[in-house]
C-alpha cells in the first residue's frame, strides 16, 4: 500500500484514534536529518495531550547515540549520526519495555549542546497511552533497524526536499560556531548522505507528512 499524504491536523486525528485501542500504542515519526522530526513530534504530543491530558510522550531515537569514546574506538566519530553509530538493540529493548506498560520507564535524551546522550533523562509514566518515537532510521529497511517494524502501530515519514534540508542543517551547525568549511564537510560527508539513505532505503510509511 502506498503511503497516504497527511497534514499535522490529520496526523493528530490518526494519533487520537490509536487511543481508542486497548493498551499502549507506538507511533514512529521518521525523516532525514533536518526534516523537523523533533518539532513535529512535539507538536503532535502537545495536540494529543490537549485533548487527552497526559496521553502522549516522546521517545527520541537520538538518545541512543553511542558515546564518543565508543565511536572513537570504532573509528566512526566523524560519522556520528550514521545508522551504525546508534545502539539499536538498546532502542528496541526500551520500546519493548514501554509496550508492556507495567512500570515508569526512564529513557535517555541526547543533549545537542554537549553532543552526548544523558541516560535516564526523561521519565515516561505508566499511564501514558501513546509513545511517539522520533528519529531518522526508524523505518530503515536494513538490519538491525528492520527489527523495529513490528513494534510500531502507525508510521509517518516527514518529506522535505534536500535543498531545504541543507539550508536547515547549515543554520543548525552555524549555531554551534562551526566554520563554513566544517559545515560543508559535515553536510557533504555525513548529513546529506544519511538523508538520502533514509529516503531511498526506508520501507513505506503509513502516512507522509510534507513540511
Protein backbone atom coordinates (compact mmCIF):
# COMPACT_ATOMS: atom_id res chain seq x y z
CA UNK A 1 0.00 0.00 0.00
CA UNK A 2 1.30 3.45 -0.91
CA UNK A 3 1.74 5.98 1.92
CA UNK A 4 -1.14 8.40 2.36
CA UNK A 5 -0.35 12.14 2.39
CA UNK A 6 -1.46 13.89 5.55
CA UNK A 7 -1.30 17.19 7.42
CA UNK A 8 -0.50 17.70 11.08
CA UNK A 9 -4.22 18.00 11.75
CA UNK A 10 -4.81 14.69 10.02
CA UNK A 11 -1.95 13.11 11.92
CA UNK A 12 -3.42 14.28 15.21
CA UNK A 13 -6.69 12.55 14.30
CA UNK A 14 -4.83 9.35 13.48
CA UNK A 15 -2.91 9.53 16.75
CA UNK A 16 -6.08 10.08 18.76
CA UNK A 17 -7.68 7.09 17.05
CA UNK A 18 -4.88 4.92 18.44
CA UNK A 19 -6.08 5.84 21.92
CA UNK A 20 -9.35 4.05 21.15
CA UNK A 21 -7.42 0.79 21.04
CA UNK A 22 -6.51 -1.13 24.19
CA UNK A 23 -3.08 -0.92 25.76
CA UNK A 24 -0.19 1.34 24.90
CA UNK A 25 0.48 2.24 21.26
CA UNK A 26 3.64 3.37 19.46
CA UNK A 27 3.78 5.83 16.57
CA UNK A 28 7.03 6.16 14.60
CA UNK A 29 7.94 9.52 13.09
CA UNK A 30 10.93 9.25 10.75
CA UNK A 31 12.73 11.60 8.40
CA UNK A 32 16.10 12.80 7.16
CA UNK A 33 18.38 14.96 9.33
CA UNK A 34 16.93 18.46 9.42
CA UNK A 35 13.43 17.38 8.40
CA UNK A 36 11.84 18.71 11.59
CA UNK A 37 11.15 15.43 13.38
CA UNK A 38 11.65 16.77 16.89
CA UNK A 39 9.48 19.83 16.28
CA UNK A 40 6.75 17.79 14.59
CA UNK A 41 6.80 15.18 17.35
CA UNK A 42 6.48 17.91 20.00
CA UNK A 43 3.59 19.50 18.08
CA UNK A 44 1.83 16.14 17.84
CA UNK A 45 2.42 15.41 21.51
CA UNK A 46 1.01 18.77 22.57
CA UNK A 47 -2.06 18.39 20.34
CA UNK A 48 -2.84 14.89 21.62
CA UNK A 49 -2.34 15.94 25.23
CA UNK A 50 -4.60 18.96 24.73
CA UNK A 51 -7.43 16.52 24.01
CA UNK A 52 -6.33 13.67 26.28
CA UNK A 53 -4.07 15.12 29.02
CA UNK A 54 -1.00 13.03 29.71
CA UNK A 55 -1.80 10.52 26.97
CA UNK A 56 1.29 11.06 24.79
CA UNK A 57 5.04 11.12 25.40
CA UNK A 58 8.08 11.27 23.12
CA UNK A 59 10.91 8.75 22.87
CA UNK A 60 13.77 10.31 20.82
CA UNK A 61 15.97 7.92 18.85
CA UNK A 62 18.90 10.32 19.32
CA UNK A 63 19.11 9.31 22.97
CA UNK A 64 20.62 6.04 21.77
CA UNK A 65 23.73 7.55 20.16
CA UNK A 66 26.85 5.62 21.04
CA UNK A 67 29.15 7.66 23.28
CA UNK A 68 32.01 9.49 21.56
CA UNK A 69 34.53 7.20 23.28
CA UNK A 70 32.84 4.17 21.68
CA UNK A 71 32.82 5.88 18.29
CA UNK A 72 36.49 6.84 18.62
CA UNK A 73 37.33 3.23 19.44
CA UNK A 74 35.40 2.13 16.36
CA UNK A 75 36.95 4.91 14.27
CA UNK A 76 33.48 6.23 13.49
CA UNK A 77 33.49 9.54 15.38
CA UNK A 78 33.48 11.74 12.19
CA UNK A 79 30.36 9.88 11.02
CA UNK A 80 28.38 10.29 14.23
CA UNK A 81 24.71 10.22 13.24
CA UNK A 82 25.10 7.47 10.63
CA UNK A 83 22.96 4.34 11.13
CA UNK A 84 25.79 2.29 12.65
CA UNK A 85 26.50 4.91 15.36
CA UNK A 86 23.38 4.09 17.38
CA UNK A 87 22.57 1.44 19.97
CA UNK A 88 19.68 -0.12 18.05
CA UNK A 89 19.41 -3.03 20.49
CA UNK A 90 19.02 -0.59 23.36
CA UNK A 91 16.28 1.28 21.49
CA UNK A 92 14.42 -1.96 20.78
CA UNK A 93 14.68 -3.02 24.43
CA UNK A 94 13.26 0.28 25.68
CA UNK A 95 10.36 0.23 23.19
CA UNK A 96 9.52 -3.36 24.17
CA UNK A 97 9.57 -2.37 27.82
CA UNK A 98 7.35 0.63 27.11
CA UNK A 99 4.86 -1.55 25.24
CA UNK A 100 4.45 -3.72 28.34
CA UNK A 101 3.20 -0.63 30.23
CA UNK A 102 3.93 -2.19 33.60
CA UNK A 103 6.12 0.48 35.18
CA UNK A 104 7.53 4.01 34.89
CA UNK A 105 10.32 3.91 32.30
CA UNK A 106 13.37 6.18 32.31
CA UNK A 107 14.67 6.92 28.82
CA UNK A 108 17.82 8.63 27.50
CA UNK A 109 17.82 12.04 25.81
CA UNK A 110 20.50 13.46 23.52
CA UNK A 111 21.98 16.77 24.65
CA UNK A 112 22.96 18.54 21.43
CA UNK A 113 24.87 21.27 23.25
CA UNK A 114 27.10 18.67 24.91
CA UNK A 115 26.90 16.18 21.99
CA UNK A 116 26.23 13.31 24.41
CA UNK A 117 23.30 11.15 25.45
CA UNK A 118 22.11 11.62 29.01
CA UNK A 119 20.85 8.34 30.43
CA UNK A 120 17.57 8.22 32.38
CA UNK A 121 16.97 11.87 31.50
CA UNK A 122 13.19 11.58 30.96
CA UNK A 123 10.52 9.55 32.73
CA UNK A 124 7.56 8.11 30.86
CA UNK A 125 4.68 7.48 33.29
CA UNK A 126 2.88 4.16 33.39
CA UNK A 127 -0.45 5.73 32.34
CA UNK A 128 0.93 7.24 29.12
CA UNK A 129 -1.03 5.60 26.28
CA UNK A 130 0.82 6.79 23.16
CA UNK A 131 4.57 6.76 22.63
CA UNK A 132 5.77 8.98 19.77
CA UNK A 133 9.14 7.57 18.70
CA UNK A 134 11.05 10.04 16.53
CA UNK A 135 14.28 9.54 14.64
CA UNK A 136 15.98 9.24 11.28
CA UNK A 137 16.22 5.49 10.83
CA UNK A 138 13.08 4.10 12.43
CA UNK A 139 11.80 2.83 9.06
CA UNK A 140 15.17 1.89 7.57
CA UNK A 141 14.77 -1.43 5.78
CA UNK A 142 18.22 -2.66 6.81
CA UNK A 143 19.34 -4.85 9.69
CA UNK A 144 19.29 -4.24 12.61
CA UNK A 145 16.86 -1.31 12.13
CA UNK A 146 14.33 -3.50 10.32
CA UNK A 147 13.75 -5.32 13.64
CA UNK A 148 11.79 -2.25 14.78
CA UNK A 149 9.00 -2.83 12.23
CA UNK A 150 6.64 -4.96 14.38
CA UNK A 151 6.90 -2.53 17.31
CA UNK A 152 5.05 0.34 15.61
CA UNK A 153 1.28 0.68 15.29
CA UNK A 154 1.45 3.69 12.95
CA UNK A 155 4.33 5.10 10.90
CA UNK A 156 4.94 8.55 9.45
CA UNK A 157 7.67 9.80 7.14
CA UNK A 158 8.38 13.53 7.02
CA UNK A 159 9.05 14.60 3.45
CA UNK A 160 11.34 17.60 2.94
CA UNK A 161 13.29 18.49 -0.26
CA UNK A 162 17.06 18.09 0.07
CA UNK A 163 17.69 21.75 -0.73
CA UNK A 164 15.56 22.72 2.28
CA UNK A 165 17.30 20.14 4.46
CA UNK A 166 20.69 21.58 3.53
CA UNK A 167 19.60 25.11 4.44
CA UNK A 168 18.28 23.99 7.81
CA UNK A 169 21.37 21.96 8.59
CA UNK A 170 23.70 24.83 7.68
CA UNK A 171 21.79 27.03 10.12
CA UNK A 172 21.92 24.33 12.80
CA UNK A 173 25.68 23.88 12.63
CA UNK A 174 26.36 27.62 12.30
CA UNK A 175 24.58 27.98 15.66
CA UNK A 176 27.34 25.81 17.15
CA UNK A 177 30.07 28.10 15.78
CA UNK A 178 31.31 25.72 13.13
CA UNK A 179 33.28 27.25 10.26
CA UNK A 180 31.95 27.25 6.71
CA UNK A 181 34.43 24.54 5.73
CA UNK A 182 33.44 22.39 8.74
CA UNK A 183 29.75 22.80 7.92
CA UNK A 184 30.29 21.90 4.27
CA UNK A 185 32.26 18.80 5.22
CA UNK A 186 29.62 17.70 7.73
CA UNK A 187 26.84 18.18 5.19
CA UNK A 188 28.53 16.51 2.24
CA UNK A 189 30.23 13.67 4.11
CA UNK A 190 27.55 12.79 6.65
CA UNK A 191 24.21 14.61 6.96
CA UNK A 192 23.07 14.69 3.33
CA UNK A 193 24.21 11.11 2.53
CA UNK A 194 22.37 9.96 5.66
CA UNK A 195 19.27 11.79 4.46
CA UNK A 196 19.45 10.11 1.06
CA UNK A 197 19.76 6.75 2.77
CA UNK A 198 16.61 7.47 4.78
CA UNK A 199 14.64 8.47 1.69
CA UNK A 200 15.90 5.66 -0.56
CA UNK A 201 16.10 2.71 1.84
CA UNK A 202 13.22 3.13 4.28
CA UNK A 203 10.17 0.92 4.00
CA UNK A 204 6.95 2.73 3.08
CA UNK A 205 5.28 4.62 5.91
CA UNK A 206 1.56 4.62 6.57
CA UNK A 207 1.50 8.39 6.09
CA UNK A 208 3.66 11.08 4.51
CA UNK A 209 3.82 14.44 6.27
CA UNK A 210 5.10 17.16 3.98
CA UNK A 211 6.97 20.07 5.57
